[in-house]
Amino acid sequence: MIFSIIPRLLCIFLILISLTSQSPAQKQRGDPPVISVVTDSGITLLYDMGLNTWNGADFNRTATDAFLYMRQSGASIPSVPLGDTIRITFDGDPPDVWALFDRIDGIMHGRQVLDISFIGNTAAFTLEAFPDNLMQYSDTKHGVPPDLRTFLLVCAWGDNSCEYAFGFSTD
């Protein structure tokens, strides 16, 4: 009698293992994590979030725009001084892969990639002056004032990816 139960238990055990052993890329996720973006001087920055690919669905959309989001929400554009530290904290797991772009008012060709690392669910960086070699994109020819900065954080958790954008003026 015990020998007839063992194959059934073994089959149930193997099914349970196969259901729980999916890779993170195969698992369905809820919504992307909420983040908070706060400076050491106490300024909380609003952000816009856009999905790229999530739970197998591709999202065909325009770029995430932090300043448009602020204008639509009625918020004023905050000012963050150079030298301030900006902390990005995820309410949940930090991404597996990420890239942080520093852009002059959203212009993709006037950008640099910042090196950040996560400690737990928080990453931080110090706001520095935009590199001189990229300031050429801030002239009146391009219509972009040099004091508006947009940061775009592109994140991925397995096959799921989204981006967070936040912006402000600076000195």
Protein backbone atom coordinates (compact mmCIF):
# COMPACT_ATOMS: atom_id res chain seq x y z
CA MET A 1 0.00 0.00 0.00
CA ILE A 2 2.82 2.41 0.84
CA PHE A 3 4.45 1.59 -2.48
CA SER A 4 1.37 2.83 -4.39
CA ILE A 5 1.42 6.22 -2.56
CA ILE A 6 5.12 6.92 -3.21
CA PRO A 7 4.77 7.40 -7.01
CA ARG A 8 1.86 9.80 -6.46
CA LEU A 9 3.77 11.79 -3.85
CA LEU A 10 6.83 11.89 -6.08
CA CYS A 11 4.72 13.17 -9.01
CA ILE A 12 3.13 15.91 -6.84
CA PHE A 13 6.57 16.87 -5.50
CA LEU A 14 8.01 17.20 -9.05
CA ILE A 15 5.05 19.34 -10.16
CA LEU A 16 5.53 21.66 -7.18
CA ILE A 17 9.25 22.00 -7.88
CA SER A 18 8.63 22.84 -11.55
CA LEU A 19 6.08 25.52 -10.62
CA THR A 20 8.33 27.23 -8.09
CA SER A 21 11.62 26.97 -9.97
CA GLN A 22 10.89 29.44 -12.77
CA SER A 23 13.61 31.97 -13.41
CA PRO A 24 12.85 35.59 -12.44
CA ALA A 25 12.50 36.41 -16.14
CA GLN A 26 9.68 33.87 -16.46
CA LYS A 27 7.75 34.96 -13.39
CA GLN A 28 4.94 37.44 -13.72
CA ARG A 29 5.49 40.66 -11.78
CA GLY A 30 2.98 43.14 -10.52
CA ASP A 31 3.43 46.79 -11.33
CA PRO A 32 6.95 48.24 -11.44
CA PRO A 33 8.21 49.36 -8.04
CA VAL A 34 7.39 52.85 -6.85
CA ILE A 35 10.51 54.93 -6.26
CA SER A 36 11.34 57.97 -4.20
CA VAL A 37 13.89 60.51 -5.40
CA VAL A 38 15.14 62.75 -2.60
CA THR A 39 18.13 65.09 -2.31
CA ASP A 40 20.25 65.41 0.81
CA SER A 41 19.06 69.02 1.03
CA GLY A 42 15.52 67.67 1.55
CA ILE A 43 13.99 68.19 -1.89
CA THR A 44 11.63 65.43 -3.05
CA LEU A 45 11.63 65.18 -6.84
CA LEU A 46 8.58 64.11 -8.84
CA TYR A 47 9.15 61.45 -11.47
CA ASP A 48 7.41 60.01 -14.49
CA MET A 49 7.45 56.26 -15.13
CA GLY A 50 6.93 54.48 -18.43
CA LEU A 51 6.80 50.78 -19.28
CA ASN A 52 8.96 49.39 -22.07
CA THR A 53 8.19 45.66 -21.76
CA TRP A 54 6.21 44.18 -18.88
CA ASN A 55 4.91 40.63 -18.38
CA GLY A 56 5.34 39.84 -22.07
CA ALA A 57 3.60 42.99 -23.37
CA ASP A 58 5.54 45.59 -25.38
CA PHE A 59 4.57 49.22 -24.93
CA ASN A 60 4.97 51.46 -27.98
CA ARG A 61 5.08 54.95 -26.50
CA THR A 62 6.92 58.22 -26.63
CA ALA A 63 9.84 58.89 -24.34
CA THR A 64 9.27 59.51 -20.66
CA ASP A 65 9.24 63.28 -20.03
CA ALA A 66 9.82 64.53 -16.51
CA PHE A 67 9.13 68.19 -17.33
CA LEU A 68 5.89 67.44 -19.18
CA TYR A 69 4.80 65.36 -16.19
CA MET A 70 5.55 68.28 -13.83
CA ARG A 71 3.66 70.74 -16.04
CA GLN A 72 0.65 68.43 -16.30
CA SER A 73 0.57 67.86 -12.55
CA GLY A 74 0.83 71.60 -11.87
CA ALA A 75 4.09 71.20 -9.95
CA SER A 76 6.81 73.80 -10.18
CA ILE A 77 10.27 72.81 -11.36
CA PRO A 78 12.48 72.44 -8.28
CA SER A 79 16.03 73.75 -8.10
CA VAL A 80 18.80 71.44 -6.93
CA PRO A 81 22.26 72.89 -6.21
CA LEU A 82 25.38 71.35 -7.70
CA GLY A 83 27.14 69.14 -5.17
CA ASP A 84 23.89 67.85 -3.67
CA THR A 85 23.47 64.07 -3.36
CA ILE A 86 20.41 62.54 -5.01
CA ARG A 87 19.09 59.25 -3.62
CA ILE A 88 16.82 56.91 -5.58
CA THR A 89 15.06 54.34 -3.39
CA PHE A 90 12.94 51.49 -4.72
CA ASP A 91 9.89 50.29 -2.80
CA GLY A 92 10.72 46.68 -3.53
CA ASP A 93 13.55 44.88 -5.22
CA PRO A 94 16.12 47.02 -7.03
CA PRO A 95 16.52 46.25 -10.74
CA ASP A 96 18.78 43.49 -12.02
CA VAL A 97 20.17 45.82 -14.70
CA TRP A 98 20.06 49.63 -14.86
CA ALA A 99 21.50 52.66 -16.62
CA LEU A 100 21.21 56.29 -15.49
CA PHE A 101 21.37 58.97 -18.20
CA ASP A 102 22.01 62.65 -17.42
CA ARG A 103 20.47 64.77 -20.20
CA ILE A 104 20.09 68.46 -20.94
CA ASP A 105 16.31 68.94 -20.93
CA GLY A 106 15.71 65.53 -22.45
CA ILE A 107 17.93 65.87 -25.53
CA MET A 108 19.30 62.39 -26.11
CA HIS A 109 22.40 63.48 -28.03
CA GLY A 110 23.43 65.79 -25.17
CA ARG A 111 23.78 63.13 -22.52
CA GLN A 112 26.15 61.16 -20.40
CA VAL A 113 25.77 57.87 -18.55
CA LEU A 114 26.35 58.02 -14.80
CA ASP A 115 27.88 55.16 -12.85
CA ILE A 116 25.65 54.28 -9.89
CA SER A 117 25.48 51.24 -7.63
CA PHE A 118 22.73 49.99 -5.39
CA ILE A 119 23.21 49.33 -1.71
CA GLY A 120 20.10 47.44 -0.73
CA ASN A 121 17.29 49.14 -2.60
CA THR A 122 18.93 52.61 -2.78
CA ALA A 123 21.35 54.20 -5.26
CA ALA A 124 22.90 57.64 -4.85
CA PHE A 125 24.97 60.05 -6.91
CA THR A 126 26.37 63.55 -6.49
CA LEU A 127 25.05 66.22 -8.85
CA GLU A 128 27.97 67.65 -10.80
CA ALA A 129 28.15 70.23 -13.58
CA PHE A 130 27.22 68.91 -17.00
CA PRO A 131 30.42 68.16 -18.99
CA ASP A 132 31.65 71.09 -21.08
CA ASN A 133 31.89 68.97 -24.20
CA LEU A 134 28.12 68.39 -24.05
CA MET A 135 27.15 71.98 -23.24
CA GLN A 136 27.11 72.74 -26.98
CA TYR A 137 23.58 71.31 -26.99
CA SER A 138 22.30 73.89 -24.52
CA ASP A 139 22.64 76.94 -26.77
CA THR A 140 19.75 78.96 -28.15
CA LYS A 141 20.13 77.22 -31.51
CA HIS A 142 18.68 74.10 -29.87
CA GLY A 143 16.33 76.12 -27.64
CA VAL A 144 17.48 74.47 -24.42
CA PRO A 145 18.53 76.48 -21.38
CA PRO A 146 21.66 75.02 -19.76
CA ASP A 147 20.14 74.87 -16.28
CA LEU A 148 17.46 72.23 -16.97
CA ARG A 149 18.57 68.67 -16.33
CA THR A 150 16.66 65.43 -16.88
CA PHE A 151 17.76 62.10 -15.50
CA LEU A 152 16.45 58.91 -17.06
CA LEU A 153 16.83 55.66 -15.10
CA VAL A 154 16.24 52.64 -17.34
CA CYS A 155 15.66 49.46 -15.30
CA ALA A 156 15.13 45.77 -15.98
CA TRP A 157 14.02 42.86 -13.84
CA GLY A 158 14.53 39.84 -16.05
CA ASP A 159 12.47 40.42 -19.23
CA ASN A 160 10.51 43.30 -17.66
CA SER A 161 11.79 46.83 -18.25
CA CYS A 162 10.66 50.36 -17.53
CA GLU A 163 12.14 53.81 -17.14
CA TYR A 164 11.84 56.53 -14.55
CA ALA A 165 12.50 60.20 -15.42
CA PHE A 166 13.00 63.11 -13.05
CA GLY A 167 14.18 66.62 -13.69
CA PHE A 168 15.00 69.96 -12.12
CA SER A 169 16.86 73.17 -12.66
CA THR A 170 20.35 73.66 -11.33
CA ASP A 171 23.00 76.36 -11.06
